[in-house]
Amino acid sequence: MLSPVLANVYLHYALDTWFENEVLPQLTGFARLIRYADACVVCFEKEAEARAFGNDLRRRMSEFGLTISEEKSKIIEFGRCACTKAKQNGRKCETFDFLGFTHFCDKSRWDNFKLGRKTSRKKFRQKMADMNIWLKRIRNLVKLKEWWKLLGLKLLGHYRYYGMSGNFRWMQNFYHQVVRLAFKWVNRRSQKKSYNWDQFHRFLQFNPLPKPKIYHSLYNLNS
């Protein structure tokens, strides 16, 4: 089993260099590969070239004893023209998930096309499930004020990754769901409830958890 660093070097040769040196020169339309670790998105201007690349990619990976995840791989129409076409045909614009975000066709305040991003539903559910398990375990291991600080650090970690322009509502949702879970598990430290909601709210006022914040501003004022 390869380490993440070695796997990244391996894919740089097997995929990145091959795409740059052998695939791109044969194309007639625009194309770009975006990869992080073992996940990638490849953009093509022409559908026929995208489909041909899918077959070539499978052959290339097999040369290195690798396979692509078919359930996570698909070809979609995406972008300004694709969204306009979908609406004309009464269809929804297609979306795709990448690195924990759902990417979708969006519009700026000036009605121009822009790439929208929000926390993917699958990743959101996974994060909430993980948080629920952590709160259940930690509540009986250390004192409330100690694990409350750790909870704040966990929230900050979430915001620093998912705090991208356009994703504020999903971060707010995450914050409120975490507060509800914290209230639930604070009151299960013993058979007798520790707080009612008003008491917990006062505790939260004096011991505030970090609020959502945009850490990655992707659009400037002229976008």
Protein backbone atom coordinates (compact mmCIF):
# COMPACT_ATOMS: atom_id res chain seq x y z
CA MET A 1 0.00 0.00 0.00
CA LEU A 2 1.50 3.34 -1.10
CA SER A 3 1.75 6.37 1.15
CA PRO A 4 -0.24 9.45 0.06
CA VAL A 5 2.99 11.18 -1.00
CA LEU A 6 4.17 8.25 -3.14
CA ALA A 7 0.69 7.77 -4.58
CA ASN A 8 0.64 11.43 -5.59
CA VAL A 9 4.01 11.08 -7.34
CA TYR A 10 2.77 7.90 -9.04
CA LEU A 11 -0.36 9.61 -10.39
CA HIS A 12 1.63 12.64 -11.47
CA TYR A 13 3.41 10.40 -13.96
CA ALA A 14 0.54 8.03 -14.75
CA LEU A 15 -2.06 10.78 -15.24
CA ASP A 16 -0.87 14.40 -15.11
CA THR A 17 2.20 14.09 -17.35
CA TRP A 18 0.39 11.76 -19.76
CA PHE A 19 -2.53 14.18 -20.07
CA GLU A 20 -0.23 17.16 -20.65
CA ASN A 21 2.15 15.51 -23.12
CA GLU A 22 0.00 12.99 -24.97
CA VAL A 23 -3.69 13.86 -24.61
CA LEU A 24 -3.75 17.65 -24.97
CA PRO A 25 -1.75 17.83 -28.25
CA GLN A 26 -4.33 15.59 -29.97
CA LEU A 27 -7.37 17.66 -28.98
CA THR A 28 -9.07 20.30 -31.11
CA GLY A 29 -11.02 21.91 -28.25
CA PHE A 30 -10.13 23.30 -24.84
CA ALA A 31 -9.43 20.81 -22.03
CA ARG A 32 -8.08 20.97 -18.51
CA LEU A 33 -7.29 18.42 -15.78
CA ILE A 34 -7.78 19.32 -12.10
CA ARG A 35 -6.51 16.68 -9.67
CA TYR A 36 -6.11 16.46 -5.91
CA ALA A 37 -4.66 13.20 -4.56
CA ASP A 38 -6.65 10.43 -6.28
CA ALA A 39 -9.67 12.58 -7.20
CA CYS A 40 -9.86 14.54 -10.42
CA VAL A 41 -12.16 16.49 -12.71
CA VAL A 42 -11.40 16.87 -16.41
CA CYS A 43 -13.08 19.63 -18.42
CA PHE A 44 -13.58 19.35 -22.18
CA GLU A 45 -15.05 21.78 -24.66
CA LYS A 46 -16.18 18.97 -26.98
CA GLU A 47 -18.31 16.04 -25.82
CA ALA A 48 -16.81 13.58 -28.32
CA GLU A 49 -13.32 14.25 -26.99
CA ALA A 50 -14.54 13.83 -23.42
CA ARG A 51 -16.00 10.41 -24.21
CA ALA A 52 -12.89 9.32 -26.10
CA PHE A 53 -10.77 10.40 -23.14
CA GLY A 54 -12.88 8.25 -20.80
CA ASN A 55 -11.91 5.15 -22.79
CA ASP A 56 -8.28 6.23 -23.06
CA LEU A 57 -8.12 6.89 -19.33
CA ARG A 58 -9.33 3.38 -18.49
CA ARG A 59 -6.66 1.90 -20.75
CA ARG A 60 -3.98 4.15 -19.27
CA MET A 61 -4.88 3.24 -15.69
CA SER A 62 -4.91 -0.49 -16.51
CA GLU A 63 -1.29 -0.18 -17.71
CA PHE A 64 -0.38 0.75 -14.13
CA GLY A 65 -2.60 -1.83 -12.48
CA LEU A 66 -5.16 0.82 -11.54
CA THR A 67 -8.88 1.21 -12.15
CA ILE A 68 -11.22 4.17 -11.93
CA SER A 69 -14.26 4.17 -9.65
CA GLU A 70 -17.15 3.74 -12.09
CA GLU A 71 -19.82 4.67 -9.54
CA LYS A 72 -18.05 7.98 -8.93
CA SER A 73 -17.29 8.70 -12.58
CA LYS A 74 -19.63 10.31 -15.08
CA ILE A 75 -19.72 12.66 -18.05
CA ILE A 76 -22.02 15.66 -17.70
CA GLU A 77 -22.80 18.84 -19.59
CA PHE A 78 -21.73 21.73 -17.41
CA GLY A 79 -21.20 25.46 -17.76
CA ARG A 80 -22.92 28.56 -19.09
CA CYS A 81 -24.09 27.08 -22.40
CA ALA A 82 -25.01 23.72 -20.88
CA CYS A 83 -27.21 25.36 -18.27
CA THR A 84 -28.99 27.51 -20.86
CA LYS A 85 -29.59 24.42 -23.01
CA ALA A 86 -30.93 22.44 -20.04
CA LYS A 87 -33.42 25.17 -19.13
CA GLN A 88 -34.62 25.43 -22.72
CA ASN A 89 -35.31 21.68 -22.68
CA GLY A 90 -37.04 21.81 -19.30
CA ARG A 91 -34.24 20.01 -17.48
CA LYS A 92 -32.27 20.89 -14.37
CA CYS A 93 -28.65 21.91 -14.75
CA GLU A 94 -26.36 19.02 -13.88
CA THR A 95 -24.03 19.12 -10.88
CA PHE A 96 -20.99 17.20 -9.69
CA ASP A 97 -19.32 16.53 -6.34
CA PHE A 98 -15.60 17.10 -5.86
CA LEU A 99 -13.57 17.28 -2.64
CA GLY A 100 -16.64 17.49 -0.42
CA PHE A 101 -18.38 20.22 -2.42
CA THR A 102 -21.29 20.07 -4.84
CA HIS A 103 -20.42 22.25 -7.83
CA PHE A 104 -23.34 23.77 -9.71
CA CYS A 105 -24.19 26.46 -12.27
CA ASP A 106 -24.99 29.71 -10.53
CA LYS A 107 -25.45 33.40 -11.36
CA SER A 108 -23.86 36.52 -9.94
CA ARG A 109 -25.88 39.50 -8.73
CA TRP A 110 -25.41 40.92 -12.24
CA ASP A 111 -26.98 37.80 -13.77
CA ASN A 112 -23.66 36.53 -15.13
CA PHE A 113 -22.68 32.86 -14.99
CA LYS A 114 -20.50 31.74 -12.10
CA LEU A 115 -19.46 28.43 -10.61
CA GLY A 116 -21.35 27.75 -7.40
CA ARG A 117 -20.13 25.56 -4.55
CA LYS A 118 -21.83 24.19 -1.46
CA THR A 119 -21.15 21.39 1.01
CA SER A 120 -22.27 18.14 -0.60
CA ARG A 121 -25.24 16.47 1.10
CA LYS A 122 -23.31 13.22 1.44
CA LYS A 123 -20.37 14.94 3.12
CA PHE A 124 -22.68 17.01 5.35
CA ARG A 125 -24.44 13.87 6.60
CA GLN A 126 -21.09 12.18 7.18
CA LYS A 127 -19.76 15.16 9.14
CA MET A 128 -22.89 15.26 11.31
CA ALA A 129 -22.68 11.52 11.97
CA ASP A 130 -19.00 11.83 12.93
CA MET A 131 -19.79 14.75 15.23
CA ASN A 132 -22.58 12.81 16.91
CA ILE A 133 -20.24 9.88 17.62
CA TRP A 134 -17.52 12.19 18.95
CA LEU A 135 -19.89 14.06 21.28
CA LYS A 136 -21.31 10.80 22.57
CA ARG A 137 -17.82 9.56 23.48
CA ILE A 138 -16.22 12.74 24.77
CA ARG A 139 -18.99 13.84 27.14
CA ASN A 140 -18.05 11.22 29.75
CA LEU A 141 -14.28 11.39 29.30
CA VAL A 142 -13.54 15.00 30.26
CA LYS A 143 -15.33 17.90 31.89
CA LEU A 144 -17.80 19.95 29.88
CA LYS A 145 -15.64 23.08 29.71
CA GLU A 146 -12.70 21.04 28.45
CA TRP A 147 -14.49 19.30 25.61
CA TRP A 148 -16.40 22.49 24.80
CA LYS A 149 -13.08 24.06 23.76
CA LEU A 150 -12.32 21.03 21.60
CA LEU A 151 -15.74 21.35 20.00
CA GLY A 152 -14.90 24.95 19.11
CA LEU A 153 -11.69 23.81 17.42
CA LYS A 154 -13.62 21.21 15.43
CA LEU A 155 -16.01 23.89 14.20
CA LEU A 156 -13.11 26.13 13.21
CA GLY A 157 -11.57 23.28 11.23
CA HIS A 158 -14.86 22.79 9.40
CA TYR A 159 -15.18 26.50 8.58
CA ARG A 160 -11.61 26.78 7.36
CA TYR A 161 -12.20 24.02 4.83
CA TYR A 162 -15.80 24.69 3.79
CA GLY A 163 -15.73 28.48 4.27
CA MET A 164 -15.93 29.33 0.57
CA SER A 165 -17.94 32.07 -1.08
CA GLY A 166 -21.53 30.95 -1.56
CA ASN A 167 -21.42 28.25 1.12
CA PHE A 168 -22.31 30.37 4.16
CA ARG A 169 -25.86 28.99 4.49
CA TRP A 170 -24.58 25.40 4.67
CA MET A 171 -22.03 26.37 7.31
CA GLN A 172 -24.77 28.05 9.33
CA ASN A 173 -26.81 24.87 9.06
CA PHE A 174 -23.82 22.87 10.28
CA TYR A 175 -23.36 25.21 13.26
CA HIS A 176 -27.02 24.99 14.32
CA GLN A 177 -27.10 21.20 13.95
CA VAL A 178 -23.94 20.88 16.05
CA VAL A 179 -25.45 23.09 18.77
CA ARG A 180 -28.52 20.83 18.87
CA LEU A 181 -26.33 17.74 19.14
CA ALA A 182 -24.29 19.35 21.92
CA PHE A 183 -27.49 20.13 23.84
CA LYS A 184 -28.62 16.54 23.39
CA TRP A 185 -25.40 14.98 24.71
CA VAL A 186 -24.85 17.50 27.50
CA ASN A 187 -28.17 16.32 28.89
CA ARG A 188 -27.21 12.65 28.68
CA ARG A 189 -24.23 12.85 31.01
CA SER A 190 -26.52 11.51 33.75
CA GLN A 191 -30.11 10.39 34.11
CA LYS A 192 -31.06 13.84 35.33
CA LYS A 193 -31.05 16.54 32.66
CA SER A 194 -28.25 19.05 33.07
CA TYR A 195 -29.91 21.95 31.24
CA ASN A 196 -33.22 22.93 29.76
CA TRP A 197 -32.99 24.85 26.50
CA ASP A 198 -33.06 28.32 28.15
CA GLN A 199 -30.27 27.34 30.55
CA PHE A 200 -28.24 25.86 27.72
CA HIS A 201 -28.76 29.03 25.67
CA ARG A 202 -27.38 31.12 28.53
CA PHE A 203 -24.40 28.77 28.83
CA LEU A 204 -23.84 29.22 25.10
CA GLN A 205 -23.93 33.01 25.47
CA PHE A 206 -21.18 32.93 28.10
CA ASN A 207 -19.25 30.17 26.32
CA PRO A 208 -19.81 30.95 22.64
CA LEU A 209 -18.83 28.53 19.92
CA PRO A 210 -17.14 29.93 16.80
CA LYS A 211 -19.65 31.21 14.25
CA PRO A 212 -19.39 30.49 10.51
CA LYS A 213 -17.01 32.67 8.53
CA ILE A 214 -15.91 32.83 4.90
CA TYR A 215 -12.19 32.04 4.80
CA HIS A 216 -11.87 31.65 1.01
CA SER A 217 -13.37 34.59 -0.90
CA LEU A 218 -13.55 33.47 -4.52
CA TYR A 219 -15.36 36.41 -6.08
CA ASN A 220 -14.13 39.99 -6.07
CA LEU A 221 -16.39 43.04 -6.25
CA ASN A 222 -16.12 43.21 -10.01
CA SER A 223 -17.21 39.60 -10.64
